[in-house]
Amino acid sequence: MASITIRVEPRHADNTTCDHKVKPSGKPRDPASGCTGRTAYAVVCSEHGDVGTPHHVKQLAEPAATEHRQEHRAALATR
């Protein structure tokens, strides 16, 4: 059985992954990078893809990731 990973992924406004360096405000550090700025954080599961709706603050996305991880653990325990 393959390992399931759950991560919190930063996103741009168009829901694409943002891997650019940003200021605390979410604006890009390098204006020439083409980054539109970080606007949300999505919980992404390797098995289910995006889980729920994106959160505007990383601290709100982390508990959602933990909750989804616990759902996978509970499903394994019932097998």
C-alpha atoms as a PDB file:
ATOM      1  CA  MET A   1       0.000   0.000   0.000  1.00  0.00           C
ATOM      2  CA  ALA A   2       1.366   3.386  -0.982  1.00  0.00           C
ATOM      3  CA  SER A   3       1.994   6.049   1.603  1.00  0.00           C
ATOM      4  CA  ILE A   4      -0.565   8.852   1.750  1.00  0.00           C
ATOM      5  CA  THR A   5       0.756  12.379   2.191  1.00  0.00           C
ATOM      6  CA  ILE A   6      -1.234  15.393   3.314  1.00  0.00           C
ATOM      7  CA  ARG A   7       0.274  18.852   3.043  1.00  0.00           C
ATOM      8  CA  VAL A   8      -0.669  22.503   3.222  1.00  0.00           C
ATOM      9  CA  GLU A   9       0.091  24.182  -0.099  1.00  0.00           C
ATOM     10  CA  PRO A  10       0.268  27.960  -0.689  1.00  0.00           C
ATOM     11  CA  ARG A  11      -1.845  29.174  -3.621  1.00  0.00           C
ATOM     12  CA  HIS A  12      -2.237  32.193  -5.906  1.00  0.00           C
ATOM     13  CA  ALA A  13      -5.657  33.781  -6.474  1.00  0.00           C
ATOM     14  CA  ASP A  14      -6.160  31.566  -9.565  1.00  0.00           C
ATOM     15  CA  ASN A  15      -5.601  28.472  -7.350  1.00  0.00           C
ATOM     16  CA  THR A  16      -2.171  27.615  -8.805  1.00  0.00           C
ATOM     17  CA  THR A  17       0.665  26.644  -6.472  1.00  0.00           C
ATOM     18  CA  CYS A  18       2.772  29.544  -5.184  1.00  0.00           C
ATOM     19  CA  ASP A  19       6.367  28.536  -4.543  1.00  0.00           C
ATOM     20  CA  HIS A  20       7.759  32.064  -4.722  1.00  0.00           C
ATOM     21  CA  LYS A  21       9.341  33.949  -1.852  1.00  0.00           C
ATOM     22  CA  VAL A  22       6.782  36.372  -0.466  1.00  0.00           C
ATOM     23  CA  LYS A  23       6.634  39.153   2.105  1.00  0.00           C
ATOM     24  CA  PRO A  24       4.502  38.692   5.245  1.00  0.00           C
ATOM     25  CA  SER A  25       1.740  40.532   3.380  1.00  0.00           C
ATOM     26  CA  GLY A  26       1.659  37.789   0.709  1.00  0.00           C
ATOM     27  CA  LYS A  27       3.081  40.071  -1.979  1.00  0.00           C
ATOM     28  CA  PRO A  28       6.056  38.716  -3.963  1.00  0.00           C
ATOM     29  CA  ARG A  29       9.553  39.705  -2.805  1.00  0.00           C
ATOM     30  CA  ASP A  30      10.707  39.837  -6.426  1.00  0.00           C
ATOM     31  CA  PRO A  31       8.250  41.860  -8.547  1.00  0.00           C
ATOM     32  CA  ALA A  32       9.801  40.384 -11.717  1.00  0.00           C
ATOM     33  CA  SER A  33       9.017  36.794 -10.626  1.00  0.00           C
ATOM     34  CA  GLY A  34       5.592  36.771 -12.260  1.00  0.00           C
ATOM     35  CA  CYS A  35       3.971  35.896  -8.928  1.00  0.00           C
ATOM     36  CA  THR A  36       0.580  37.501  -8.368  1.00  0.00           C
ATOM     37  CA  GLY A  37       0.894  37.055  -4.609  1.00  0.00           C
ATOM     38  CA  ARG A  38      -0.111  34.360  -2.169  1.00  0.00           C
ATOM     39  CA  THR A  39      -3.783  34.523  -1.262  1.00  0.00           C
ATOM     40  CA  ALA A  40      -4.717  31.146   0.248  1.00  0.00           C
ATOM     41  CA  TYR A  41      -3.545  27.809   1.608  1.00  0.00           C
ATOM     42  CA  ALA A  42      -5.063  24.544   0.411  1.00  0.00           C
ATOM     43  CA  VAL A  43      -4.988  21.160   2.117  1.00  0.00           C
ATOM     44  CA  VAL A  44      -3.842  18.620  -0.476  1.00  0.00           C
ATOM     45  CA  CYS A  45      -4.058  14.847  -0.049  1.00  0.00           C
ATOM     46  CA  SER A  46      -2.086  12.504  -2.326  1.00  0.00           C
ATOM     47  CA  GLU A  47      -5.145  10.248  -2.549  1.00  0.00           C
ATOM     48  CA  HIS A  48      -8.026  12.773  -2.716  1.00  0.00           C
ATOM     49  CA  GLY A  49      -6.419  15.925  -4.156  1.00  0.00           C
ATOM     50  CA  ASP A  50      -7.676  19.212  -2.730  1.00  0.00           C
ATOM     51  CA  VAL A  51      -9.565  18.721   0.535  1.00  0.00           C
ATOM     52  CA  GLY A  52     -12.263  21.275   1.305  1.00  0.00           C
ATOM     53  CA  THR A  53     -11.960  24.913   0.363  1.00  0.00           C
ATOM     54  CA  PRO A  54      -8.708  26.907   0.585  1.00  0.00           C
ATOM     55  CA  HIS A  55      -8.058  28.805   3.814  1.00  0.00           C
ATOM     56  CA  HIS A  56      -6.881  32.412   3.848  1.00  0.00           C
ATOM     57  CA  VAL A  57      -4.489  31.817   6.745  1.00  0.00           C
ATOM     58  CA  LYS A  58      -2.013  28.941   7.051  1.00  0.00           C
ATOM     59  CA  GLN A  59      -2.833  28.511  10.757  1.00  0.00           C
ATOM     60  CA  LEU A  60      -6.417  27.627   9.776  1.00  0.00           C
ATOM     61  CA  ALA A  61      -5.331  25.146   7.101  1.00  0.00           C
ATOM     62  CA  GLU A  62      -3.045  23.154   9.413  1.00  0.00           C
ATOM     63  CA  PRO A  63      -5.865  21.865  11.693  1.00  0.00           C
ATOM     64  CA  ALA A  64      -7.845  20.871   8.582  1.00  0.00           C
ATOM     65  CA  ALA A  65      -4.822  18.882   7.372  1.00  0.00           C
ATOM     66  CA  THR A  66      -4.524  17.191  10.763  1.00  0.00           C
ATOM     67  CA  GLU A  67      -8.246  16.352  10.731  1.00  0.00           C
ATOM     68  CA  HIS A  68      -7.991  14.791   7.260  1.00  0.00           C
ATOM     69  CA  ARG A  69      -4.917  12.813   8.345  1.00  0.00           C
ATOM     70  CA  GLN A  70      -6.900  11.485  11.336  1.00  0.00           C
ATOM     71  CA  GLU A  71      -9.702  10.391   8.974  1.00  0.00           C
ATOM     72  CA  HIS A  72      -7.193   8.266   7.055  1.00  0.00           C
ATOM     73  CA  ARG A  73      -5.860   6.769  10.294  1.00  0.00           C
ATOM     74  CA  ALA A  74      -9.392   5.940  11.460  1.00  0.00           C
ATOM     75  CA  ALA A  75     -10.173   4.278   8.126  1.00  0.00           C
ATOM     76  CA  LEU A  76      -7.066   2.112   8.460  1.00  0.00           C
ATOM     77  CA  ALA A  77      -8.007   1.132  12.000  1.00  0.00           C
ATOM     78  CA  THR A  78     -11.426  -0.144  10.884  1.00  0.00           C
ATOM     79  CA  ARG A  79      -9.997  -2.431   8.211  1.00  0.00           C
END
